[in-house]
Amino acid sequence: MGRMGAIGMAEQVSDSSVTLEAALHWHLTSNHFPPHPSFMIPVALRAIRKAQKGEWHKGIRLPGTVRFKGIRMPLVGDLIEALHLEDFI
């Protein structure tokens, strides 16, 4: 599990065995302890897409009343790091 699991899932996304959404669902809900709620999957997708465009310092609005370190719109780079999304970029 952990990093090796994320690398394996990212490889499956690369060879089209698994969708990015499915890989992120597994990664966020099964590869973290405690698990992240599934409503964070769209946030992770947006963070990955912005990171791929080099928009590391853009903010991403979190759903509902969710805050990251007290912030409503954390930076892409902070979300990538906190959710361990590096291997999916």
Protein backbone atom coordinates (compact mmCIF):
# COMPACT_ATOMS: atom_id res chain seq x y z
CA MET A 1 0.00 0.00 0.00
CA GLY A 2 1.02 3.61 0.26
CA ARG A 3 3.37 4.99 -2.34
CA MET A 4 3.86 1.69 -4.17
CA GLY A 5 0.09 1.29 -4.48
CA ALA A 6 -0.25 4.80 -5.88
CA ILE A 7 2.52 4.15 -8.40
CA GLY A 8 0.79 0.94 -9.48
CA MET A 9 -2.54 2.66 -9.91
CA ALA A 10 -0.95 5.53 -11.84
CA GLU A 11 0.63 2.97 -14.19
CA GLN A 12 -2.78 1.37 -14.73
CA VAL A 13 -4.20 4.81 -15.60
CA SER A 14 -1.33 5.36 -18.06
CA ASP A 15 -2.04 2.10 -19.88
CA SER A 16 -5.83 2.71 -19.81
CA SER A 17 -6.57 -0.30 -17.58
CA VAL A 18 -8.28 1.97 -15.03
CA THR A 19 -9.81 5.44 -15.28
CA LEU A 20 -8.20 8.26 -13.36
CA GLU A 21 -11.44 8.70 -11.41
CA ALA A 22 -11.44 5.02 -10.35
CA ALA A 23 -7.77 5.19 -9.39
CA LEU A 24 -8.35 8.30 -7.30
CA HIS A 25 -11.35 6.71 -5.60
CA TRP A 26 -9.18 3.78 -4.55
CA HIS A 27 -6.25 6.04 -3.62
CA LEU A 28 -8.23 8.48 -1.47
CA THR A 29 -10.56 5.99 0.21
CA SER A 30 -8.32 2.93 0.56
CA ASN A 31 -4.72 4.07 0.33
CA HIS A 32 -4.93 6.66 3.13
CA PHE A 33 -5.55 6.28 6.81
CA PRO A 34 -7.81 7.71 7.80
CA PRO A 35 -9.51 7.56 4.41
CA HIS A 36 -10.50 10.75 2.64
CA PRO A 37 -14.21 11.08 1.76
CA SER A 38 -15.17 10.34 -1.83
CA PHE A 39 -16.40 13.93 -2.32
CA MET A 40 -12.71 14.87 -2.50
CA ILE A 41 -12.27 12.98 -5.80
CA PRO A 42 -13.35 15.97 -7.97
CA VAL A 43 -10.99 18.19 -5.95
CA ALA A 44 -8.12 15.77 -6.59
CA LEU A 45 -8.99 15.66 -10.31
CA ARG A 46 -8.93 19.48 -10.54
CA ALA A 47 -5.62 19.62 -8.66
CA ILE A 48 -4.04 17.07 -11.02
CA ARG A 49 -5.31 18.88 -14.13
CA LYS A 50 -4.04 22.24 -12.90
CA ALA A 51 -0.68 20.73 -11.92
CA GLN A 52 -0.34 19.22 -15.39
CA LYS A 53 -0.79 22.74 -16.80
CA GLY A 54 1.83 24.12 -14.41
CA GLU A 55 -0.75 26.03 -12.36
CA TRP A 56 0.74 25.03 -9.00
CA HIS A 57 -0.08 28.35 -7.30
CA LYS A 58 -3.76 28.48 -8.28
CA GLY A 59 -6.42 27.96 -5.64
CA ILE A 60 -9.06 25.23 -5.70
CA ARG A 61 -12.35 25.74 -3.88
CA LEU A 62 -13.17 22.92 -1.47
CA PRO A 63 -16.71 21.54 -1.22
CA GLY A 64 -19.20 22.55 1.44
CA THR A 65 -17.65 23.54 4.73
CA VAL A 66 -14.39 21.67 4.13
CA ARG A 67 -11.22 23.58 4.99
CA PHE A 68 -7.56 22.72 4.50
CA LYS A 69 -5.50 24.16 7.34
CA GLY A 70 -8.33 26.67 7.80
CA ILE A 71 -8.31 27.70 4.13
CA ARG A 72 -11.30 27.45 1.80
CA MET A 73 -9.21 27.62 -1.42
CA PRO A 74 -5.86 25.89 -0.90
CA LEU A 75 -3.19 25.99 -3.55
CA VAL A 76 -2.83 23.19 -6.08
CA GLY A 77 0.66 22.35 -4.81
CA ASP A 78 -0.57 22.03 -1.24
CA LEU A 79 -3.39 19.69 -2.29
CA ILE A 80 -1.06 17.55 -4.43
CA GLU A 81 1.25 17.14 -1.45
CA ALA A 82 -1.46 16.57 1.17
CA LEU A 83 -3.41 14.03 -0.92
CA HIS A 84 -0.21 12.35 -2.22
CA LEU A 85 -1.19 12.85 -5.86
CA GLU A 86 2.32 13.25 -7.29
CA ASP A 87 2.28 9.91 -9.11
CA PHE A 88 -0.95 10.77 -10.96
CA ILE A 89 0.44 13.93 -12.61
